[in-house]
Amino acid sequence: NLSMDSLTSISSEASEALSNWRGNTLSMDGLTSISGEASEALSGWRGNTLSLDRLTSLPVEVAHAFSKWTGDLLSLSSITFLSDESAQELFKWTGTTLFLGLQYLPTRSAQCISKWGGELHGLYRLKGLSKEAANALVNKKNIEFLLSYRHNHQFRQLLINSLEIHNKEENEELHSDDGPAIVLPNGCKVYAIHGVLVPRYVVENPQQITIDQIDNNHNTE
């Protein structure tokens, strides 16, 4: 692992040299900006985890460069806004885990996130979410992940309210004991009991629940 957090700027030549390093984790959390040329050179690095947590903006050319990086985890937790063009480039990336600090989420950016195959963390920082963006964000593959954010109850409630979900208890937790708690226009269905996401059979065919399934369930709720 290599930590260069005191670095405040980096040239394309230095990035080119780093791209040949064979380590697994690279942290450059002192950088507040990076040029398109430097990010293009850095995208050739074959490591797994890249942290640039003080970058405050993501120009299209930088997003395009990162989309070509072959690693699995990219942390950009100070990025509070993505233009639609940058979002379209960034979410071509084939990695699995992305950290952003988005405070605003336009509908087109939400559509890009929905089509992406990885997990996006940091959405709890959103200050608002339109109904259009919320519906664009969710799909059959990601809705349970979005609703089960263990570390941000605030985002979960924001998403539920933006989707205008009515199967809730007084404490705003999802709940339905006779069918899905959520049925969205795009066909997404989610089952929940007292705020806990459960498989469909728990609600619609509870007789299928076995002692072994209960014992093997790590959710103590």
C-alpha atoms as a PDB file:
ATOM      1  CA  ASN A   1       0.000   0.000   0.000  1.00  0.00           C
ATOM      2  CA  LEU A   2       1.160   3.524  -0.739  1.00  0.00           C
ATOM      3  CA  SER A   3      -0.072   6.675   1.007  1.00  0.00           C
ATOM      4  CA  MET A   4       0.782  10.030  -0.579  1.00  0.00           C
ATOM      5  CA  ASP A   5      -1.749  12.122   1.333  1.00  0.00           C
ATOM      6  CA  SER A   6       0.594  15.099   1.707  1.00  0.00           C
ATOM      7  CA  LEU A   7       0.755  15.467  -2.078  1.00  0.00           C
ATOM      8  CA  THR A   8      -1.229  18.513  -3.228  1.00  0.00           C
ATOM      9  CA  SER A   9      -0.642  18.253  -6.969  1.00  0.00           C
ATOM     10  CA  ILE A  10       0.565  15.657  -9.443  1.00  0.00           C
ATOM     11  CA  SER A  11       1.912  15.933 -12.964  1.00  0.00           C
ATOM     12  CA  SER A  12       1.079  13.627 -15.820  1.00  0.00           C
ATOM     13  CA  GLU A  13       4.699  12.405 -15.741  1.00  0.00           C
ATOM     14  CA  ALA A  14       4.408  11.447 -12.069  1.00  0.00           C
ATOM     15  CA  SER A  15       1.086   9.733 -12.755  1.00  0.00           C
ATOM     16  CA  GLU A  16       2.690   7.796 -15.575  1.00  0.00           C
ATOM     17  CA  ALA A  17       5.395   6.605 -13.199  1.00  0.00           C
ATOM     18  CA  LEU A  18       2.796   5.601 -10.599  1.00  0.00           C
ATOM     19  CA  SER A  19       0.876   3.616 -13.186  1.00  0.00           C
ATOM     20  CA  ASN A  20       3.812   1.198 -13.311  1.00  0.00           C
ATOM     21  CA  TRP A  21       3.753   0.595  -9.533  1.00  0.00           C
ATOM     22  CA  ARG A  22       2.574  -2.921  -8.679  1.00  0.00           C
ATOM     23  CA  GLY A  23       0.975  -2.231  -5.309  1.00  0.00           C
ATOM     24  CA  ASN A  24      -2.681  -2.812  -4.443  1.00  0.00           C
ATOM     25  CA  THR A  25      -3.850   0.338  -2.637  1.00  0.00           C
ATOM     26  CA  LEU A  26      -3.020   3.950  -3.484  1.00  0.00           C
ATOM     27  CA  SER A  27      -4.128   6.930  -1.398  1.00  0.00           C
ATOM     28  CA  MET A  28      -3.673  10.530  -2.560  1.00  0.00           C
ATOM     29  CA  ASP A  29      -6.154  12.261  -0.287  1.00  0.00           C
ATOM     30  CA  GLY A  30      -4.267  15.559  -0.380  1.00  0.00           C
ATOM     31  CA  LEU A  31      -5.157  16.264  -4.017  1.00  0.00           C
ATOM     32  CA  THR A  32      -8.018  18.727  -4.498  1.00  0.00           C
ATOM     33  CA  SER A  33      -7.832  18.551  -8.291  1.00  0.00           C
ATOM     34  CA  ILE A  34      -6.232  16.453 -11.013  1.00  0.00           C
ATOM     35  CA  SER A  35      -5.763  17.200 -14.683  1.00  0.00           C
ATOM     36  CA  GLY A  36      -7.198  15.144 -17.483  1.00  0.00           C
ATOM     37  CA  GLU A  37      -3.681  14.208 -18.581  1.00  0.00           C
ATOM     38  CA  ALA A  38      -2.651  13.062 -15.105  1.00  0.00           C
ATOM     39  CA  SER A  39      -5.822  11.059 -14.549  1.00  0.00           C
ATOM     40  CA  GLU A  40      -5.453   9.481 -17.990  1.00  0.00           C
ATOM     41  CA  ALA A  41      -1.946   8.315 -17.096  1.00  0.00           C
ATOM     42  CA  LEU A  42      -3.090   7.113 -13.646  1.00  0.00           C
ATOM     43  CA  SER A  43      -5.894   5.057 -15.167  1.00  0.00           C
ATOM     44  CA  GLY A  44      -3.271   2.602 -16.398  1.00  0.00           C
ATOM     45  CA  TRP A  45      -2.417   1.588 -12.819  1.00  0.00           C
ATOM     46  CA  ARG A  46      -3.397  -2.052 -12.139  1.00  0.00           C
ATOM     47  CA  GLY A  47      -4.089  -1.798  -8.417  1.00  0.00           C
ATOM     48  CA  ASN A  48      -7.378  -2.490  -6.683  1.00  0.00           C
ATOM     49  CA  THR A  49      -8.164   0.518  -4.449  1.00  0.00           C
ATOM     50  CA  LEU A  50      -7.740   4.202  -5.278  1.00  0.00           C
ATOM     51  CA  SER A  51      -8.581   6.968  -2.807  1.00  0.00           C
ATOM     52  CA  LEU A  52      -8.803  10.622  -3.854  1.00  0.00           C
ATOM     53  CA  ASP A  53     -11.051  11.824  -1.074  1.00  0.00           C
ATOM     54  CA  ARG A  54     -10.288  15.543  -1.333  1.00  0.00           C
ATOM     55  CA  LEU A  55     -11.088  15.989  -5.013  1.00  0.00           C
ATOM     56  CA  THR A  56     -13.888  18.550  -5.127  1.00  0.00           C
ATOM     57  CA  SER A  57     -14.804  18.399  -8.798  1.00  0.00           C
ATOM     58  CA  LEU A  58     -14.845  15.797 -11.550  1.00  0.00           C
ATOM     59  CA  PRO A  59     -14.494  17.256 -15.050  1.00  0.00           C
ATOM     60  CA  VAL A  60     -15.684  15.107 -17.930  1.00  0.00           C
ATOM     61  CA  GLU A  61     -12.164  14.248 -19.064  1.00  0.00           C
ATOM     62  CA  VAL A  62     -11.219  13.052 -15.553  1.00  0.00           C
ATOM     63  CA  ALA A  63     -14.410  11.000 -15.236  1.00  0.00           C
ATOM     64  CA  HIS A  64     -13.635   9.477 -18.635  1.00  0.00           C
ATOM     65  CA  ALA A  65     -10.132   8.523 -17.489  1.00  0.00           C
ATOM     66  CA  PHE A  66     -11.410   6.915 -14.284  1.00  0.00           C
ATOM     67  CA  SER A  67     -13.964   4.935 -16.283  1.00  0.00           C
ATOM     68  CA  LYS A  68     -11.067   3.079 -17.903  1.00  0.00           C
ATOM     69  CA  TRP A  69      -9.358   2.142 -14.639  1.00  0.00           C
ATOM     70  CA  THR A  70      -9.577  -1.611 -13.937  1.00  0.00           C
ATOM     71  CA  GLY A  71      -9.616  -1.516 -10.111  1.00  0.00           C
ATOM     72  CA  ASP A  72     -12.539  -2.420  -7.851  1.00  0.00           C
ATOM     73  CA  LEU A  73     -12.852   0.411  -5.298  1.00  0.00           C
ATOM     74  CA  LEU A  74     -12.741   4.128  -6.035  1.00  0.00           C
ATOM     75  CA  SER A  75     -13.239   6.678  -3.272  1.00  0.00           C
ATOM     76  CA  LEU A  76     -14.158  10.255  -4.236  1.00  0.00           C
ATOM     77  CA  SER A  77     -16.066  11.213  -1.107  1.00  0.00           C
ATOM     78  CA  SER A  78     -15.687  14.999  -1.522  1.00  0.00           C
ATOM     79  CA  ILE A  79     -17.436  15.053  -4.893  1.00  0.00           C
ATOM     80  CA  THR A  80     -20.757  16.711  -4.037  1.00  0.00           C
ATOM     81  CA  PHE A  81     -22.050  17.167  -7.579  1.00  0.00           C
ATOM     82  CA  LEU A  82     -21.695  15.406 -10.934  1.00  0.00           C
ATOM     83  CA  SER A  83     -22.702  16.935 -14.231  1.00  0.00           C
ATOM     84  CA  ASP A  84     -24.782  14.677 -16.427  1.00  0.00           C
ATOM     85  CA  GLU A  85     -21.833  14.394 -18.804  1.00  0.00           C
ATOM     86  CA  SER A  86     -19.416  13.393 -16.034  1.00  0.00           C
ATOM     87  CA  ALA A  87     -21.932  10.892 -14.649  1.00  0.00           C
ATOM     88  CA  GLN A  88     -22.327   9.292 -18.070  1.00  0.00           C
ATOM     89  CA  GLU A  89     -18.561   8.793 -18.261  1.00  0.00           C
ATOM     90  CA  LEU A  90     -17.899   7.761 -14.644  1.00  0.00           C
ATOM     91  CA  PHE A  91     -20.585   5.072 -14.561  1.00  0.00           C
ATOM     92  CA  LYS A  92     -19.040   3.288 -17.512  1.00  0.00           C
ATOM     93  CA  TRP A  93     -16.445   2.145 -14.969  1.00  0.00           C
ATOM     94  CA  THR A  94     -16.545  -1.617 -14.369  1.00  0.00           C
ATOM     95  CA  GLY A  95     -15.477  -1.542 -10.706  1.00  0.00           C
ATOM     96  CA  THR A  96     -17.661  -2.762  -7.858  1.00  0.00           C
ATOM     97  CA  THR A  97     -17.584  -0.059  -5.148  1.00  0.00           C
ATOM     98  CA  LEU A  98     -17.716   3.728  -5.465  1.00  0.00           C
ATOM     99  CA  PHE A  99     -17.800   6.347  -2.714  1.00  0.00           C
ATOM    100  CA  LEU A 100     -19.152   9.798  -3.548  1.00  0.00           C
ATOM    101  CA  GLY A 101     -20.416  12.678  -1.411  1.00  0.00           C
ATOM    102  CA  LEU A 102     -23.275  13.769  -3.670  1.00  0.00           C
ATOM    103  CA  GLN A 103     -25.597  16.407  -2.248  1.00  0.00           C
ATOM    104  CA  TYR A 104     -27.680  16.748  -5.413  1.00  0.00           C
ATOM    105  CA  LEU A 105     -28.769  14.050  -7.856  1.00  0.00           C
ATOM    106  CA  PRO A 106     -30.253  15.087 -11.202  1.00  0.00           C
ATOM    107  CA  THR A 107     -32.544  12.582 -12.891  1.00  0.00           C
ATOM    108  CA  ARG A 108     -30.124  11.805 -15.729  1.00  0.00           C
ATOM    109  CA  SER A 109     -27.332  11.088 -13.261  1.00  0.00           C
ATOM    110  CA  ALA A 110     -29.701   8.813 -11.331  1.00  0.00           C
ATOM    111  CA  GLN A 111     -30.380   6.913 -14.549  1.00  0.00           C
ATOM    112  CA  CYS A 112     -26.634   6.391 -15.055  1.00  0.00           C
ATOM    113  CA  ILE A 113     -26.272   5.062 -11.494  1.00  0.00           C
ATOM    114  CA  SER A 114     -29.213   2.694 -11.999  1.00  0.00           C
ATOM    115  CA  LYS A 115     -27.592   1.133 -15.064  1.00  0.00           C
ATOM    116  CA  TRP A 116     -24.234   0.721 -13.323  1.00  0.00           C
ATOM    117  CA  GLY A 117     -23.495  -2.720 -11.869  1.00  0.00           C
ATOM    118  CA  GLY A 118     -21.661  -1.713  -8.676  1.00  0.00           C
ATOM    119  CA  GLU A 119     -22.552  -0.367  -5.237  1.00  0.00           C
ATOM    120  CA  LEU A 120     -22.615   3.396  -4.677  1.00  0.00           C
ATOM    121  CA  HIS A 121     -21.983   4.605  -1.136  1.00  0.00           C
ATOM    122  CA  GLY A 122     -22.390   8.074   0.342  1.00  0.00           C
ATOM    123  CA  LEU A 123     -25.926   8.890  -0.785  1.00  0.00           C
ATOM    124  CA  TYR A 124     -26.836   9.754   2.803  1.00  0.00           C
ATOM    125  CA  ARG A 125     -25.349  13.199   2.094  1.00  0.00           C
ATOM    126  CA  LEU A 126     -28.111  14.053  -0.372  1.00  0.00           C
ATOM    127  CA  LYS A 127     -29.986  17.182   0.661  1.00  0.00           C
ATOM    128  CA  GLY A 128     -32.987  16.319  -1.469  1.00  0.00           C
ATOM    129  CA  LEU A 129     -34.250  13.802  -4.017  1.00  0.00           C
ATOM    130  CA  SER A 130     -36.968  14.436  -6.560  1.00  0.00           C
ATOM    131  CA  LYS A 131     -39.610  11.817  -7.315  1.00  0.00           C
ATOM    132  CA  GLU A 132     -38.266  11.587 -10.874  1.00  0.00           C
ATOM    133  CA  ALA A 133     -34.685  11.027  -9.694  1.00  0.00           C
ATOM    134  CA  ALA A 134     -35.797   8.483  -7.070  1.00  0.00           C
ATOM    135  CA  ASN A 135     -37.729   6.437  -9.628  1.00  0.00           C
ATOM    136  CA  ALA A 136     -34.810   6.631 -12.056  1.00  0.00           C
ATOM    137  CA  LEU A 137     -32.366   5.522  -9.354  1.00  0.00           C
ATOM    138  CA  VAL A 138     -34.003   2.258  -8.324  1.00  0.00           C
ATOM    139  CA  ASN A 139     -34.232  -0.987 -10.249  1.00  0.00           C
ATOM    140  CA  LYS A 140     -34.844  -4.653  -9.442  1.00  0.00           C
ATOM    141  CA  LYS A 141     -31.155  -5.282  -8.771  1.00  0.00           C
ATOM    142  CA  ASN A 142     -30.332  -2.353  -6.522  1.00  0.00           C
ATOM    143  CA  ILE A 143     -33.477  -1.423  -4.612  1.00  0.00           C
ATOM    144  CA  GLU A 144     -32.840  -3.741  -1.664  1.00  0.00           C
ATOM    145  CA  PHE A 145     -29.266  -2.469  -1.383  1.00  0.00           C
ATOM    146  CA  LEU A 146     -30.478   1.137  -1.458  1.00  0.00           C
ATOM    147  CA  LEU A 147     -33.110   0.495   1.187  1.00  0.00           C
ATOM    148  CA  SER A 148     -30.801  -1.477   3.451  1.00  0.00           C
ATOM    149  CA  TYR A 149     -28.063   1.139   3.871  1.00  0.00           C
ATOM    150  CA  ARG A 150     -27.004   0.219   7.394  1.00  0.00           C
ATOM    151  CA  HIS A 151     -25.125   3.470   7.938  1.00  0.00           C
ATOM    152  CA  ASN A 152     -27.626   6.053   6.693  1.00  0.00           C
ATOM    153  CA  HIS A 153     -31.184   5.895   7.913  1.00  0.00           C
ATOM    154  CA  GLN A 154     -31.516   9.468   6.614  1.00  0.00           C
ATOM    155  CA  PHE A 155     -31.069   8.391   2.978  1.00  0.00           C
ATOM    156  CA  ARG A 156     -33.418   5.461   3.389  1.00  0.00           C
ATOM    157  CA  GLN A 157     -36.171   7.769   4.622  1.00  0.00           C
ATOM    158  CA  LEU A 158     -35.420  10.297   1.883  1.00  0.00           C
ATOM    159  CA  LEU A 159     -35.770   7.593  -0.760  1.00  0.00           C
ATOM    160  CA  ILE A 160     -38.975   6.201   0.752  1.00  0.00           C
ATOM    161  CA  ASN A 161     -40.543   9.667   0.916  1.00  0.00           C
ATOM    162  CA  SER A 162     -39.421  10.581  -2.618  1.00  0.00           C
ATOM    163  CA  LEU A 163     -40.933   7.368  -3.987  1.00  0.00           C
ATOM    164  CA  GLU A 164     -44.213   8.250  -2.227  1.00  0.00           C
ATOM    165  CA  ILE A 165     -44.431   4.851  -0.534  1.00  0.00           C
ATOM    166  CA  HIS A 166     -47.481   4.547   1.706  1.00  0.00           C
ATOM    167  CA  ASN A 167     -46.971   1.102   3.327  1.00  0.00           C
ATOM    168  CA  LYS A 168     -45.298   2.558   6.401  1.00  0.00           C
ATOM    169  CA  GLU A 169     -45.752   2.467  10.133  1.00  0.00           C
ATOM    170  CA  GLU A 170     -46.065   5.555  12.302  1.00  0.00           C
ATOM    171  CA  ASN A 171     -42.290   5.568  12.754  1.00  0.00           C
ATOM    172  CA  GLU A 172     -41.905   5.729   8.950  1.00  0.00           C
ATOM    173  CA  GLU A 173     -40.526   2.183   8.681  1.00  0.00           C
ATOM    174  CA  LEU A 174     -41.597   0.015   5.733  1.00  0.00           C
ATOM    175  CA  HIS A 175     -44.196  -2.565   6.674  1.00  0.00           C
ATOM    176  CA  SER A 176     -46.744  -4.843   5.037  1.00  0.00           C
ATOM    177  CA  ASP A 177     -47.776  -8.252   6.365  1.00  0.00           C
ATOM    178  CA  ASP A 178     -50.084  -9.162   3.460  1.00  0.00           C
ATOM    179  CA  GLY A 179     -48.058  -8.310   0.359  1.00  0.00           C
ATOM    180  CA  PRO A 180     -45.107  -6.238  -0.884  1.00  0.00           C
ATOM    181  CA  ALA A 181     -44.316  -3.079   1.062  1.00  0.00           C
ATOM    182  CA  ILE A 182     -43.243  -1.453  -2.198  1.00  0.00           C
ATOM    183  CA  VAL A 183     -44.456  -1.938  -5.767  1.00  0.00           C
ATOM    184  CA  LEU A 184     -42.933   0.574  -8.157  1.00  0.00           C
ATOM    185  CA  PRO A 185     -44.041   1.410 -11.709  1.00  0.00           C
ATOM    186  CA  ASN A 186     -40.919  -0.328 -13.064  1.00  0.00           C
ATOM    187  CA  GLY A 187     -41.951  -3.627 -11.433  1.00  0.00           C
ATOM    188  CA  CYS A 188     -39.700  -3.504  -8.368  1.00  0.00           C
ATOM    189  CA  LYS A 189     -41.181  -5.240  -5.326  1.00  0.00           C
ATOM    190  CA  VAL A 190     -39.793  -5.182  -1.820  1.00  0.00           C
ATOM    191  CA  TYR A 191     -41.139  -7.043   1.192  1.00  0.00           C
ATOM    192  CA  ALA A 192     -40.615  -5.682   4.705  1.00  0.00           C
ATOM    193  CA  ILE A 193     -41.867  -6.338   8.214  1.00  0.00           C
ATOM    194  CA  HIS A 194     -41.462  -3.506  10.742  1.00  0.00           C
ATOM    195  CA  GLY A 195     -38.687  -1.962   8.667  1.00  0.00           C
ATOM    196  CA  VAL A 196     -36.746  -5.198   8.131  1.00  0.00           C
ATOM    197  CA  LEU A 197     -36.381  -6.321   4.512  1.00  0.00           C
ATOM    198  CA  VAL A 198     -37.445  -9.960   4.135  1.00  0.00           C
ATOM    199  CA  PRO A 199     -37.761 -12.523   1.311  1.00  0.00           C
ATOM    200  CA  ARG A 200     -41.118 -12.716  -0.438  1.00  0.00           C
ATOM    201  CA  TYR A 201     -42.059 -16.063   1.102  1.00  0.00           C
ATOM    202  CA  VAL A 202     -41.836 -14.661   4.642  1.00  0.00           C
ATOM    203  CA  VAL A 203     -44.869 -12.485   3.889  1.00  0.00           C
ATOM    204  CA  GLU A 204     -46.798 -14.472   1.298  1.00  0.00           C
ATOM    205  CA  ASN A 205     -45.952 -18.046   2.391  1.00  0.00           C
ATOM    206  CA  PRO A 206     -44.805 -17.874   6.035  1.00  0.00           C
ATOM    207  CA  GLN A 207     -45.422 -21.613   6.416  1.00  0.00           C
ATOM    208  CA  GLN A 208     -42.219 -22.111   4.400  1.00  0.00           C
ATOM    209  CA  ILE A 209     -40.102 -20.589   7.188  1.00  0.00           C
ATOM    210  CA  THR A 210     -37.947 -23.260   8.869  1.00  0.00           C
ATOM    211  CA  ILE A 211     -36.052 -23.342  12.149  1.00  0.00           C
ATOM    212  CA  ASP A 212     -32.762 -23.629  10.247  1.00  0.00           C
ATOM    213  CA  GLN A 213     -33.535 -20.457   8.274  1.00  0.00           C
ATOM    214  CA  ILE A 214     -34.211 -18.581  11.513  1.00  0.00           C
ATOM    215  CA  ASP A 215     -31.003 -19.881  13.110  1.00  0.00           C
ATOM    216  CA  ASN A 216     -28.942 -18.929  10.040  1.00  0.00           C
ATOM    217  CA  ASN A 217     -30.363 -15.420   9.776  1.00  0.00           C
ATOM    218  CA  HIS A 218     -27.796 -12.894  10.935  1.00  0.00           C
ATOM    219  CA  ASN A 219     -30.384 -10.092  11.226  1.00  0.00           C
ATOM    220  CA  THR A 220     -31.334 -10.241  14.900  1.00  0.00           C
ATOM    221  CA  GLU A 221     -34.397  -8.075  14.268  1.00  0.00           C
END
